[in-house]
Amino acid sequence: MNVPEFAAAQWTRATGTGVDPHEYRRVTDGLASVADWAPSFLHTGYGYLERAEQAGSSVSAGEHLLMAARWFHLATLAHDAEAQRAAIEADHALSRAFSVLEPGARRVSGEGFTGWLRGPADAPGTVIIIPGLDSAKEEFLDLASSLLARGLAVFAMDGPGQGVLTATTALRPDYEQVVGRAIDALEALGALGALGVERVGLVGLSLGGYFAARTAALEPRVATVATVSGPFRLDWEELPPPVRDIMARRAGGADAARDFAHHVDLAALAPRITAPLLVVDGGQDVIPGVTNGEPLVVLAPHGDYLSVPHGDHLLGNARADWLPRLVDHVTQTLRTGAPA
């Protein structure tokens, strides 16, 4: 894939992450090859670190650090030798940003997970944001902000094979065990509020949608769940080679990736999702070997489906069409137990 094709493929994902679209074009227009992707994005991220050092206020410094975290995360999308360094830089920048902007934010880590807990101690519920195949906690800061603005607490995490844990862990299908340990850790911190552990919500994006739906079927403490561009089923033989390559890197080899893909099938688990469920799909999100979320809604007892005809994968080109609806669904169901 040449640079214009690669940059176009990442366009709405990058802008959905929150980087300036004009700056994205300036950076990508200057690339001679995809091999230059990570170095150029890292360079842009370091530029924001310099701005943070020179900022005239702590708020400005924190905002520059958040932007650095976004650019460092996007540097990982080239999946080259620089990816792990970029993931570590993203994690460090995010940590520094929260230390400046939200001193009350807490790092919470355990076996197979790490992330940031943010929001009021008396929140009516806590939402766990679950990233996908090659995404990370730094990618969905705007989703977290929307949930926080509605009075909820948020735990944005990296799980096995994701984000800063990519180098030390491997992708695994039984993600519900990891989420269960994260819920245990949040409960031990007293972070689930006066309403108790049953007020936990999940939002899963891309492959994280599968993880969220699977967890909702197997973890009784989940009170509400939403998926965005989550697969209902994967067919390894039909998946495009770039997707299989990424999965092999994250799972620990081609055989492990093939086995993982064979586990991604929600047909048997969907009827066990008793929590209110919102499934969001983009009509333009067509990936060979991926069955999108509509069958999940059909099989789940309390499923609701939102299809945005012009939406692409992760619907970065249609945020106004789904983001408010999703955060309102999660907020309402955590507060009252009933969908909006």
C-alpha atoms as a PDB file:
ATOM      1  CA  MET A   1       0.000   0.000   0.000  1.00  0.00           C
ATOM      2  CA  ASN A   2       1.409   3.401  -0.943  1.00  0.00           C
ATOM      3  CA  VAL A   3       1.387   6.469   1.280  1.00  0.00           C
ATOM      4  CA  PRO A   4      -1.765   8.158  -0.124  1.00  0.00           C
ATOM      5  CA  GLU A   5      -3.735   4.915   0.219  1.00  0.00           C
ATOM      6  CA  PHE A   6      -2.481   4.261   3.730  1.00  0.00           C
ATOM      7  CA  ALA A   7      -3.106   7.843   4.863  1.00  0.00           C
ATOM      8  CA  ALA A   8      -6.605   7.800   3.353  1.00  0.00           C
ATOM      9  CA  ALA A   9      -7.366   4.487   5.086  1.00  0.00           C
ATOM     10  CA  GLN A  10      -6.430   6.022   8.460  1.00  0.00           C
ATOM     11  CA  TRP A  11      -8.028   9.425   7.810  1.00  0.00           C
ATOM     12  CA  THR A  12     -11.287   9.233   9.733  1.00  0.00           C
ATOM     13  CA  ARG A  13      -9.719   7.105  12.435  1.00  0.00           C
ATOM     14  CA  ALA A  14      -7.071   9.752  13.003  1.00  0.00           C
ATOM     15  CA  THR A  15      -9.494  12.658  12.996  1.00  0.00           C
ATOM     16  CA  GLY A  16     -11.850  10.678  15.214  1.00  0.00           C
ATOM     17  CA  THR A  17      -8.973  10.290  17.653  1.00  0.00           C
ATOM     18  CA  GLY A  18      -8.923  14.067  17.907  1.00  0.00           C
ATOM     19  CA  VAL A  19      -5.921  15.292  15.935  1.00  0.00           C
ATOM     20  CA  ASP A  20      -6.211  18.379  13.766  1.00  0.00           C
ATOM     21  CA  PRO A  21      -7.214  17.219  10.249  1.00  0.00           C
ATOM     22  CA  HIS A  22      -5.129  19.948   8.620  1.00  0.00           C
ATOM     23  CA  GLU A  23      -2.052  18.921  10.583  1.00  0.00           C
ATOM     24  CA  TYR A  24      -2.722  15.279   9.693  1.00  0.00           C
ATOM     25  CA  ARG A  25      -2.688  16.199   6.014  1.00  0.00           C
ATOM     26  CA  ARG A  26       0.509  18.222   6.419  1.00  0.00           C
ATOM     27  CA  VAL A  27       2.258  15.327   8.141  1.00  0.00           C
ATOM     28  CA  THR A  28       1.068  12.620   5.757  1.00  0.00           C
ATOM     29  CA  ASP A  29       1.626  14.725   2.628  1.00  0.00           C
ATOM     30  CA  GLY A  30       5.283  14.915   3.570  1.00  0.00           C
ATOM     31  CA  LEU A  31       5.814  11.143   3.706  1.00  0.00           C
ATOM     32  CA  ALA A  32       7.882   9.473   1.003  1.00  0.00           C
ATOM     33  CA  SER A  33       6.877   5.946   2.060  1.00  0.00           C
ATOM     34  CA  VAL A  34       4.846   4.137   4.704  1.00  0.00           C
ATOM     35  CA  ALA A  35       8.179   3.396   6.412  1.00  0.00           C
ATOM     36  CA  ASP A  36       8.293   7.110   7.287  1.00  0.00           C
ATOM     37  CA  TRP A  37       4.929   6.971   9.056  1.00  0.00           C
ATOM     38  CA  ALA A  38       6.039   6.178  12.589  1.00  0.00           C
ATOM     39  CA  PRO A  39       9.097   8.469  12.618  1.00  0.00           C
ATOM     40  CA  SER A  40       7.030  11.394  11.316  1.00  0.00           C
ATOM     41  CA  PHE A  41       4.185  10.835  13.758  1.00  0.00           C
ATOM     42  CA  LEU A  42       6.646  10.428  16.615  1.00  0.00           C
ATOM     43  CA  HIS A  43       8.322  13.666  15.548  1.00  0.00           C
ATOM     44  CA  THR A  44       4.947  15.418  15.632  1.00  0.00           C
ATOM     45  CA  GLY A  45       4.251  14.016  19.081  1.00  0.00           C
ATOM     46  CA  TYR A  46       7.620  15.218  20.362  1.00  0.00           C
ATOM     47  CA  GLY A  47       6.741  18.644  19.025  1.00  0.00           C
ATOM     48  CA  TYR A  48       3.729  18.691  21.341  1.00  0.00           C
ATOM     49  CA  LEU A  49       5.926  17.647  24.248  1.00  0.00           C
ATOM     50  CA  GLU A  50       8.087  20.684  23.526  1.00  0.00           C
ATOM     51  CA  ARG A  51       4.996  22.885  23.436  1.00  0.00           C
ATOM     52  CA  ALA A  52       3.986  21.477  26.810  1.00  0.00           C
ATOM     53  CA  GLU A  53       7.369  22.427  28.270  1.00  0.00           C
ATOM     54  CA  GLN A  54       7.027  25.966  26.926  1.00  0.00           C
ATOM     55  CA  ALA A  55       3.346  26.454  27.771  1.00  0.00           C
ATOM     56  CA  GLY A  56       2.308  29.477  29.782  1.00  0.00           C
ATOM     57  CA  SER A  57      -0.187  27.589  31.932  1.00  0.00           C
ATOM     58  CA  SER A  58      -0.658  24.104  33.315  1.00  0.00           C
ATOM     59  CA  VAL A  59      -3.896  23.742  31.363  1.00  0.00           C
ATOM     60  CA  SER A  60      -2.160  24.469  28.070  1.00  0.00           C
ATOM     61  CA  ALA A  61       0.650  22.090  29.005  1.00  0.00           C
ATOM     62  CA  GLY A  62      -1.860  19.362  29.760  1.00  0.00           C
ATOM     63  CA  GLU A  63      -3.694  19.905  26.488  1.00  0.00           C
ATOM     64  CA  HIS A  64      -0.426  19.650  24.554  1.00  0.00           C
ATOM     65  CA  LEU A  65       0.396  16.431  26.394  1.00  0.00           C
ATOM     66  CA  LEU A  66      -2.970  14.932  25.474  1.00  0.00           C
ATOM     67  CA  MET A  67      -2.336  15.810  21.846  1.00  0.00           C
ATOM     68  CA  ALA A  68       1.117  14.254  22.041  1.00  0.00           C
ATOM     69  CA  ALA A  69      -0.470  11.043  23.341  1.00  0.00           C
ATOM     70  CA  ARG A  70      -2.803  10.974  20.340  1.00  0.00           C
ATOM     71  CA  TRP A  71       0.010  11.409  17.817  1.00  0.00           C
ATOM     72  CA  PHE A  72       2.173   8.815  19.528  1.00  0.00           C
ATOM     73  CA  HIS A  73      -0.699   6.342  19.437  1.00  0.00           C
ATOM     74  CA  LEU A  74      -1.293   6.981  15.743  1.00  0.00           C
ATOM     75  CA  ALA A  75       2.398   6.304  15.147  1.00  0.00           C
ATOM     76  CA  THR A  76       1.755   2.687  16.162  1.00  0.00           C
ATOM     77  CA  LEU A  77      -0.602   2.084  13.229  1.00  0.00           C
ATOM     78  CA  ALA A  78       2.276   1.419  10.826  1.00  0.00           C
ATOM     79  CA  HIS A  79       3.077  -1.708  12.897  1.00  0.00           C
ATOM     80  CA  ASP A  80       6.818  -1.415  12.405  1.00  0.00           C
ATOM     81  CA  ALA A  81       9.845  -1.524  14.678  1.00  0.00           C
ATOM     82  CA  GLU A  82       8.949   1.880  16.146  1.00  0.00           C
ATOM     83  CA  ALA A  83       5.465   0.816  17.239  1.00  0.00           C
ATOM     84  CA  GLN A  84       6.366  -0.264  20.758  1.00  0.00           C
ATOM     85  CA  ARG A  85       8.374   2.883  21.425  1.00  0.00           C
ATOM     86  CA  ALA A  86       5.407   4.908  20.204  1.00  0.00           C
ATOM     87  CA  ALA A  87       3.042   2.992  22.503  1.00  0.00           C
ATOM     88  CA  ILE A  88       5.292   3.679  25.485  1.00  0.00           C
ATOM     89  CA  GLU A  89       5.545   7.366  24.574  1.00  0.00           C
ATOM     90  CA  ALA A  90       1.751   7.563  24.274  1.00  0.00           C
ATOM     91  CA  ASP A  91       1.331   6.011  27.696  1.00  0.00           C
ATOM     92  CA  HIS A  92       3.871   8.386  29.273  1.00  0.00           C
ATOM     93  CA  ALA A  93       2.318  11.461  27.652  1.00  0.00           C
ATOM     94  CA  LEU A  94      -1.149  10.479  28.832  1.00  0.00           C
ATOM     95  CA  SER A  95       0.135   9.930  32.365  1.00  0.00           C
ATOM     96  CA  ARG A  96       1.785  13.351  32.390  1.00  0.00           C
ATOM     97  CA  ALA A  97      -1.360  14.982  31.008  1.00  0.00           C
ATOM     98  CA  PHE A  98      -3.559  13.573  33.743  1.00  0.00           C
ATOM     99  CA  SER A  99      -1.050  14.524  36.433  1.00  0.00           C
ATOM    100  CA  VAL A 100      -1.462  18.130  35.280  1.00  0.00           C
ATOM    101  CA  LEU A 101      -5.125  18.279  34.275  1.00  0.00           C
ATOM    102  CA  GLU A 102      -6.724  15.711  36.582  1.00  0.00           C
ATOM    103  CA  PRO A 103      -4.625  15.022  39.671  1.00  0.00           C
ATOM    104  CA  GLY A 104      -7.464  12.854  40.966  1.00  0.00           C
ATOM    105  CA  ALA A 105      -7.148  10.413  38.059  1.00  0.00           C
ATOM    106  CA  ARG A 106      -5.796   7.063  39.207  1.00  0.00           C
ATOM    107  CA  ARG A 107      -3.675   4.506  37.412  1.00  0.00           C
ATOM    108  CA  VAL A 108      -5.151   1.051  37.977  1.00  0.00           C
ATOM    109  CA  SER A 109      -3.233  -2.025  36.855  1.00  0.00           C
ATOM    110  CA  GLY A 110      -3.471  -5.760  37.339  1.00  0.00           C
ATOM    111  CA  GLU A 111      -2.860  -9.045  35.586  1.00  0.00           C
ATOM    112  CA  GLY A 112      -3.401  -8.382  31.882  1.00  0.00           C
ATOM    113  CA  PHE A 113      -4.643  -4.803  32.121  1.00  0.00           C
ATOM    114  CA  THR A 114      -3.691  -1.229  32.881  1.00  0.00           C
ATOM    115  CA  GLY A 115      -5.581   2.018  32.537  1.00  0.00           C
ATOM    116  CA  TRP A 116      -6.818   5.256  34.005  1.00  0.00           C
ATOM    117  CA  LEU A 117      -9.805   5.742  36.276  1.00  0.00           C
ATOM    118  CA  ARG A 118     -11.325   9.208  36.027  1.00  0.00           C
ATOM    119  CA  GLY A 119     -14.474  10.902  37.234  1.00  0.00           C
ATOM    120  CA  PRO A 120     -16.390  11.692  40.420  1.00  0.00           C
ATOM    121  CA  ALA A 121     -16.266   9.367  43.410  1.00  0.00           C
ATOM    122  CA  ASP A 122     -20.058   9.538  43.693  1.00  0.00           C
ATOM    123  CA  ALA A 123     -20.729   8.688  40.042  1.00  0.00           C
ATOM    124  CA  PRO A 124     -23.838   6.569  39.434  1.00  0.00           C
ATOM    125  CA  GLY A 125     -21.688   4.083  37.566  1.00  0.00           C
ATOM    126  CA  THR A 126     -18.326   3.359  35.996  1.00  0.00           C
ATOM    127  CA  VAL A 127     -17.840   2.739  32.258  1.00  0.00           C
ATOM    128  CA  ILE A 128     -14.970   0.568  31.071  1.00  0.00           C
ATOM    129  CA  ILE A 129     -13.765   1.515  27.578  1.00  0.00           C
ATOM    130  CA  ILE A 130     -12.357  -1.508  25.739  1.00  0.00           C
ATOM    131  CA  PRO A 131     -10.094  -0.904  22.713  1.00  0.00           C
ATOM    132  CA  GLY A 132      -9.707  -3.125  19.680  1.00  0.00           C
ATOM    133  CA  LEU A 133      -7.107  -5.022  17.695  1.00  0.00           C
ATOM    134  CA  ASP A 134      -4.569  -2.215  17.279  1.00  0.00           C
ATOM    135  CA  SER A 135      -6.162   0.554  19.326  1.00  0.00           C
ATOM    136  CA  ALA A 136      -5.416   1.649  22.874  1.00  0.00           C
ATOM    137  CA  LYS A 137      -6.680   3.770  25.756  1.00  0.00           C
ATOM    138  CA  GLU A 138      -5.212   6.883  24.104  1.00  0.00           C
ATOM    139  CA  GLU A 139      -7.464   6.577  21.050  1.00  0.00           C
ATOM    140  CA  PHE A 140     -10.890   7.233  22.573  1.00  0.00           C
ATOM    141  CA  LEU A 141     -10.355  10.322  24.708  1.00  0.00           C
ATOM    142  CA  ASP A 142     -13.378  12.105  23.223  1.00  0.00           C
ATOM    143  CA  LEU A 143     -15.656   9.185  24.123  1.00  0.00           C
ATOM    144  CA  ALA A 144     -14.310   9.302  27.664  1.00  0.00           C
ATOM    145  CA  SER A 145     -14.907  13.067  27.805  1.00  0.00           C
ATOM    146  CA  SER A 146     -18.511  12.640  26.699  1.00  0.00           C
ATOM    147  CA  LEU A 147     -19.140  10.052  29.409  1.00  0.00           C
ATOM    148  CA  LEU A 148     -17.427  12.180  32.054  1.00  0.00           C
ATOM    149  CA  ALA A 149     -19.519  15.197  31.031  1.00  0.00           C
ATOM    150  CA  ARG A 150     -22.627  13.189  31.941  1.00  0.00           C
ATOM    151  CA  GLY A 151     -21.378  12.546  35.458  1.00  0.00           C
ATOM    152  CA  LEU A 152     -20.087   9.005  34.987  1.00  0.00           C
ATOM    153  CA  ALA A 153     -16.731   7.610  35.987  1.00  0.00           C
ATOM    154  CA  VAL A 154     -14.576   6.105  33.236  1.00  0.00           C
ATOM    155  CA  PHE A 155     -11.909   3.433  33.227  1.00  0.00           C
ATOM    156  CA  ALA A 156     -10.088   3.456  29.872  1.00  0.00           C
ATOM    157  CA  MET A 157      -7.873   0.397  29.640  1.00  0.00           C
ATOM    158  CA  ASP A 158      -5.294  -1.496  27.657  1.00  0.00           C
ATOM    159  CA  GLY A 159      -5.754  -5.259  27.777  1.00  0.00           C
ATOM    160  CA  PRO A 160      -3.668  -8.176  26.524  1.00  0.00           C
ATOM    161  CA  GLY A 161      -1.894  -7.346  23.288  1.00  0.00           C
ATOM    162  CA  GLN A 162      -3.078  -3.741  23.367  1.00  0.00           C
ATOM    163  CA  GLY A 163      -1.379  -0.377  23.792  1.00  0.00           C
ATOM    164  CA  VAL A 164       1.464  -0.270  26.262  1.00  0.00           C
ATOM    165  CA  LEU A 165       0.991  -4.001  26.983  1.00  0.00           C
ATOM    166  CA  THR A 166       1.654  -5.054  23.377  1.00  0.00           C
ATOM    167  CA  ALA A 167       5.260  -6.098  23.980  1.00  0.00           C
ATOM    168  CA  THR A 168       4.588  -8.146  27.125  1.00  0.00           C
ATOM    169  CA  THR A 169       1.190  -9.784  26.508  1.00  0.00           C
ATOM    170  CA  ALA A 170      -0.715 -11.436  23.670  1.00  0.00           C
ATOM    171  CA  LEU A 171      -4.244 -11.102  22.354  1.00  0.00           C
ATOM    172  CA  ARG A 172      -6.659 -13.569  23.980  1.00  0.00           C
ATOM    173  CA  PRO A 173     -10.319 -14.394  23.386  1.00  0.00           C
ATOM    174  CA  ASP A 174     -11.316 -14.831  27.044  1.00  0.00           C
ATOM    175  CA  TYR A 175     -11.143 -11.101  27.646  1.00  0.00           C
ATOM    176  CA  GLU A 176     -13.985 -11.361  30.183  1.00  0.00           C
ATOM    177  CA  GLN A 177     -11.471 -12.695  32.681  1.00  0.00           C
ATOM    178  CA  VAL A 178      -9.362  -9.568  32.295  1.00  0.00           C
ATOM    179  CA  VAL A 179     -12.395  -7.282  32.640  1.00  0.00           C
ATOM    180  CA  GLY A 180     -13.468  -9.262  35.694  1.00  0.00           C
ATOM    181  CA  ARG A 181     -10.109  -8.592  37.313  1.00  0.00           C
ATOM    182  CA  ALA A 182     -10.394  -4.917  36.405  1.00  0.00           C
ATOM    183  CA  ILE A 183     -13.840  -4.752  38.032  1.00  0.00           C
ATOM    184  CA  ASP A 184     -12.401  -6.438  41.126  1.00  0.00           C
ATOM    185  CA  ALA A 185      -9.656  -3.802  41.257  1.00  0.00           C
ATOM    186  CA  LEU A 186     -12.124  -0.935  40.837  1.00  0.00           C
ATOM    187  CA  GLU A 187     -14.330  -2.387  43.548  1.00  0.00           C
ATOM    188  CA  ALA A 188     -11.364  -2.686  45.891  1.00  0.00           C
ATOM    189  CA  LEU A 189     -10.634   0.998  45.336  1.00  0.00           C
ATOM    190  CA  GLY A 190     -14.221   1.912  46.172  1.00  0.00           C
ATOM    191  CA  ALA A 191     -14.514   3.260  42.641  1.00  0.00           C
ATOM    192  CA  LEU A 192     -17.888   1.796  41.757  1.00  0.00           C
ATOM    193  CA  GLY A 193     -19.932   4.201  43.817  1.00  0.00           C
ATOM    194  CA  ALA A 194     -22.664   3.815  46.368  1.00  0.00           C
ATOM    195  CA  LEU A 195     -24.829   1.871  43.944  1.00  0.00           C
ATOM    196  CA  GLY A 196     -22.381  -1.009  43.920  1.00  0.00           C
ATOM    197  CA  VAL A 197     -20.657  -3.224  41.410  1.00  0.00           C
ATOM    198  CA  GLU A 198     -23.793  -3.815  39.375  1.00  0.00           C
ATOM    199  CA  ARG A 199     -23.396  -0.296  37.988  1.00  0.00           C
ATOM    200  CA  VAL A 200     -20.620  -1.202  35.549  1.00  0.00           C
ATOM    201  CA  GLY A 201     -20.990  -0.393  31.867  1.00  0.00           C
ATOM    202  CA  LEU A 202     -18.875  -1.492  28.913  1.00  0.00           C
ATOM    203  CA  VAL A 203     -18.173   0.277  25.633  1.00  0.00           C
ATOM    204  CA  GLY A 204     -16.155  -1.758  23.160  1.00  0.00           C
ATOM    205  CA  LEU A 205     -14.816  -0.427  19.882  1.00  0.00           C
ATOM    206  CA  SER A 206     -13.856  -2.496  16.821  1.00  0.00           C
ATOM    207  CA  LEU A 207     -12.576  -5.852  18.117  1.00  0.00           C
ATOM    208  CA  GLY A 208     -13.258  -4.395  21.564  1.00  0.00           C
ATOM    209  CA  GLY A 209     -16.928  -4.684  20.646  1.00  0.00           C
ATOM    210  CA  TYR A 210     -16.544  -8.457  20.587  1.00  0.00           C
ATOM    211  CA  PHE A 211     -14.700  -8.335  23.905  1.00  0.00           C
ATOM    212  CA  ALA A 212     -17.440  -6.168  25.442  1.00  0.00           C
ATOM    213  CA  ALA A 213     -20.307  -8.343  24.184  1.00  0.00           C
ATOM    214  CA  ARG A 214     -18.557 -11.528  25.288  1.00  0.00           C
ATOM    215  CA  THR A 215     -17.890 -10.045  28.714  1.00  0.00           C
ATOM    216  CA  ALA A 216     -21.504  -8.904  29.064  1.00  0.00           C
ATOM    217  CA  ALA A 217     -22.627 -12.472  28.393  1.00  0.00           C
ATOM    218  CA  LEU A 218     -20.264 -14.024  30.958  1.00  0.00           C
ATOM    219  CA  GLU A 219     -19.748 -11.353  33.640  1.00  0.00           C
ATOM    220  CA  PRO A 220     -22.917 -10.797  35.737  1.00  0.00           C
ATOM    221  CA  ARG A 221     -21.739  -7.451  37.105  1.00  0.00           C
ATOM    222  CA  VAL A 222     -22.164  -5.723  33.716  1.00  0.00           C
ATOM    223  CA  ALA A 223     -25.276  -3.519  33.787  1.00  0.00           C
ATOM    224  CA  THR A 224     -25.108  -2.069  30.273  1.00  0.00           C
ATOM    225  CA  VAL A 225     -23.054  -2.524  27.117  1.00  0.00           C
ATOM    226  CA  ALA A 226     -22.495  -0.791  23.793  1.00  0.00           C
ATOM    227  CA  THR A 227     -20.415  -1.823  20.806  1.00  0.00           C
ATOM    228  CA  VAL A 228     -19.070   0.265  17.923  1.00  0.00           C
ATOM    229  CA  SER A 229     -17.999  -1.545  14.736  1.00  0.00           C
ATOM    230  CA  GLY A 230     -17.675  -4.749  16.720  1.00  0.00           C
ATOM    231  CA  PRO A 231     -17.502  -8.091  14.892  1.00  0.00           C
ATOM    232  CA  PHE A 232     -20.159 -10.718  15.483  1.00  0.00           C
ATOM    233  CA  ARG A 233     -18.011 -13.346  13.784  1.00  0.00           C
ATOM    234  CA  LEU A 234     -14.618 -13.607  12.045  1.00  0.00           C
ATOM    235  CA  ASP A 235     -13.660 -15.906   9.205  1.00  0.00           C
ATOM    236  CA  TRP A 236      -9.867 -16.217   9.210  1.00  0.00           C
ATOM    237  CA  GLU A 237      -9.623 -17.443   5.644  1.00  0.00           C
ATOM    238  CA  GLU A 238     -11.564 -14.450   4.338  1.00  0.00           C
ATOM    239  CA  LEU A 239      -9.855 -11.717   6.372  1.00  0.00           C
ATOM    240  CA  PRO A 240      -7.656  -9.350   4.326  1.00  0.00           C
ATOM    241  CA  PRO A 241      -3.909 -10.079   4.650  1.00  0.00           C
ATOM    242  CA  PRO A 242      -3.180  -6.776   6.478  1.00  0.00           C
ATOM    243  CA  VAL A 243      -5.738  -7.662   9.182  1.00  0.00           C
ATOM    244  CA  ARG A 244      -4.326 -11.170   9.529  1.00  0.00           C
ATOM    245  CA  ASP A 245      -0.814  -9.730   9.782  1.00  0.00           C
ATOM    246  CA  ILE A 246      -1.816  -7.349  12.570  1.00  0.00           C
ATOM    247  CA  MET A 247      -3.642 -10.121  14.394  1.00  0.00           C
ATOM    248  CA  ALA A 248      -0.595 -12.386  14.107  1.00  0.00           C
ATOM    249  CA  ARG A 249       1.624  -9.690  15.620  1.00  0.00           C
ATOM    250  CA  ARG A 250      -0.776  -9.110  18.493  1.00  0.00           C
ATOM    251  CA  ALA A 251      -1.580 -12.778  19.151  1.00  0.00           C
ATOM    252  CA  GLY A 252       1.968 -14.123  19.005  1.00  0.00           C
ATOM    253  CA  GLY A 253       2.082 -15.732  15.579  1.00  0.00           C
ATOM    254  CA  ALA A 254      -0.092 -16.852  12.703  1.00  0.00           C
ATOM    255  CA  ASP A 255      -1.271 -20.078  14.354  1.00  0.00           C
ATOM    256  CA  ALA A 256      -2.293 -18.256  17.510  1.00  0.00           C
ATOM    257  CA  ALA A 257      -4.044 -15.596  15.440  1.00  0.00           C
ATOM    258  CA  ARG A 258      -5.969 -18.199  13.447  1.00  0.00           C
ATOM    259  CA  ASP A 259      -7.064 -19.874  16.674  1.00  0.00           C
ATOM    260  CA  PHE A 260      -8.078 -16.516  18.121  1.00  0.00           C
ATOM    261  CA  ALA A 261     -10.159 -15.646  15.048  1.00  0.00           C
ATOM    262  CA  HIS A 262     -11.975 -18.974  15.269  1.00  0.00           C
ATOM    263  CA  HIS A 263     -13.095 -18.036  18.796  1.00  0.00           C
ATOM    264  CA  VAL A 264     -14.658 -14.768  17.626  1.00  0.00           C
ATOM    265  CA  ASP A 265     -18.249 -15.907  17.223  1.00  0.00           C
ATOM    266  CA  LEU A 266     -21.046 -14.538  19.399  1.00  0.00           C
ATOM    267  CA  ALA A 267     -23.827 -16.834  18.176  1.00  0.00           C
ATOM    268  CA  ALA A 268     -23.883 -18.937  21.341  1.00  0.00           C
ATOM    269  CA  LEU A 269     -23.151 -16.083  23.747  1.00  0.00           C
ATOM    270  CA  ALA A 270     -25.529 -13.404  22.444  1.00  0.00           C
ATOM    271  CA  PRO A 271     -28.684 -14.880  24.062  1.00  0.00           C
ATOM    272  CA  ARG A 272     -26.896 -14.685  27.430  1.00  0.00           C
ATOM    273  CA  ILE A 273     -26.475 -10.892  27.270  1.00  0.00           C
ATOM    274  CA  THR A 274     -29.214  -9.809  29.666  1.00  0.00           C
ATOM    275  CA  ALA A 275     -28.007  -6.204  30.049  1.00  0.00           C
ATOM    276  CA  PRO A 276     -29.355  -3.481  27.757  1.00  0.00           C
ATOM    277  CA  LEU A 277     -27.250  -3.537  24.591  1.00  0.00           C
ATOM    278  CA  LEU A 278     -26.673  -0.916  21.892  1.00  0.00           C
ATOM    279  CA  VAL A 279     -24.894  -2.013  18.717  1.00  0.00           C
ATOM    280  CA  VAL A 280     -23.552   0.686  16.386  1.00  0.00           C
ATOM    281  CA  ASP A 281     -22.457  -0.164  12.838  1.00  0.00           C
ATOM    282  CA  GLY A 282     -21.394   1.902   9.850  1.00  0.00           C
ATOM    283  CA  GLY A 283     -23.032   1.072   6.552  1.00  0.00           C
ATOM    284  CA  GLN A 284     -19.734   1.623   4.720  1.00  0.00           C
ATOM    285  CA  ASP A 285     -17.837  -0.669   7.097  1.00  0.00           C
ATOM    286  CA  VAL A 286     -17.406  -3.729   4.891  1.00  0.00           C
ATOM    287  CA  ILE A 287     -14.382  -5.924   5.657  1.00  0.00           C
ATOM    288  CA  PRO A 288     -14.108  -9.384   4.082  1.00  0.00           C
ATOM    289  CA  GLY A 289     -14.337 -12.087   6.716  1.00  0.00           C
ATOM    290  CA  VAL A 290     -16.063  -9.834   9.256  1.00  0.00           C
ATOM    291  CA  THR A 291     -19.738 -10.249  10.109  1.00  0.00           C
ATOM    292  CA  ASN A 292     -20.930  -6.964  11.612  1.00  0.00           C
ATOM    293  CA  GLY A 293     -23.187  -6.508  14.615  1.00  0.00           C
ATOM    294  CA  GLU A 294     -26.759  -6.867  13.358  1.00  0.00           C
ATOM    295  CA  PRO A 295     -27.018 -10.610  14.200  1.00  0.00           C
ATOM    296  CA  LEU A 296     -25.942  -9.782  17.747  1.00  0.00           C
ATOM    297  CA  VAL A 297     -28.971  -7.525  18.177  1.00  0.00           C
ATOM    298  CA  VAL A 298     -31.290 -10.185  16.796  1.00  0.00           C
ATOM    299  CA  LEU A 299     -30.068 -12.787  19.285  1.00  0.00           C
ATOM    300  CA  ALA A 300     -29.588 -10.627  22.404  1.00  0.00           C
ATOM    301  CA  PRO A 301     -32.686 -10.287  24.596  1.00  0.00           C
ATOM    302  CA  HIS A 302     -32.436  -6.507  24.996  1.00  0.00           C
ATOM    303  CA  GLY A 303     -30.585  -5.360  21.901  1.00  0.00           C
ATOM    304  CA  ASP A 304     -31.002  -2.104  20.012  1.00  0.00           C
ATOM    305  CA  TYR A 305     -29.390  -1.446  16.640  1.00  0.00           C
ATOM    306  CA  LEU A 306     -28.099   1.803  15.192  1.00  0.00           C
ATOM    307  CA  SER A 307     -26.822   1.597  11.620  1.00  0.00           C
ATOM    308  CA  VAL A 308     -25.398   4.787  10.137  1.00  0.00           C
ATOM    309  CA  PRO A 309     -25.497   4.334   6.335  1.00  0.00           C
ATOM    310  CA  HIS A 310     -22.540   6.613   5.592  1.00  0.00           C
ATOM    311  CA  GLY A 311     -20.463   5.490   8.579  1.00  0.00           C
ATOM    312  CA  ASP A 312     -17.126   3.774   8.076  1.00  0.00           C
ATOM    313  CA  HIS A 313     -15.197   1.573  10.504  1.00  0.00           C
ATOM    314  CA  LEU A 314     -15.376   3.204  13.956  1.00  0.00           C
ATOM    315  CA  LEU A 315     -17.625   5.820  12.304  1.00  0.00           C
ATOM    316  CA  GLY A 316     -15.031   8.552  12.591  1.00  0.00           C
ATOM    317  CA  ASN A 317     -16.775  10.226   9.663  1.00  0.00           C
ATOM    318  CA  ALA A 318     -20.162  10.316  11.417  1.00  0.00           C
ATOM    319  CA  ARG A 319     -19.578  11.009  15.095  1.00  0.00           C
ATOM    320  CA  ALA A 320     -22.626  13.228  15.543  1.00  0.00           C
ATOM    321  CA  ASP A 321     -24.827  10.398  14.291  1.00  0.00           C
ATOM    322  CA  TRP A 322     -23.901   7.923  17.021  1.00  0.00           C
ATOM    323  CA  LEU A 323     -21.743   9.302  19.832  1.00  0.00           C
ATOM    324  CA  PRO A 324     -24.481  11.251  21.690  1.00  0.00           C
ATOM    325  CA  ARG A 325     -26.885   8.329  21.312  1.00  0.00           C
ATOM    326  CA  LEU A 326     -24.352   5.884  22.690  1.00  0.00           C
ATOM    327  CA  VAL A 327     -23.336   7.916  25.728  1.00  0.00           C
ATOM    328  CA  ASP A 328     -26.992   8.673  26.495  1.00  0.00           C
ATOM    329  CA  HIS A 329     -27.783   4.943  26.289  1.00  0.00           C
ATOM    330  CA  VAL A 330     -24.987   4.112  28.700  1.00  0.00           C
ATOM    331  CA  THR A 331     -25.824   6.965  31.070  1.00  0.00           C
ATOM    332  CA  GLN A 332     -29.544   6.226  31.185  1.00  0.00           C
ATOM    333  CA  THR A 333     -29.145   2.516  31.689  1.00  0.00           C
ATOM    334  CA  LEU A 334     -26.552   2.962  34.423  1.00  0.00           C
ATOM    335  CA  ARG A 335     -28.753   5.466  36.226  1.00  0.00           C
ATOM    336  CA  THR A 336     -32.107   3.689  35.913  1.00  0.00           C
ATOM    337  CA  GLY A 337     -31.511   0.227  34.504  1.00  0.00           C
ATOM    338  CA  ALA A 338     -33.710   1.036  31.492  1.00  0.00           C
ATOM    339  CA  PRO A 339     -32.663   2.258  28.036  1.00  0.00           C
ATOM    340  CA  ALA A 340     -33.286   5.867  27.045  1.00  0.00           C
END
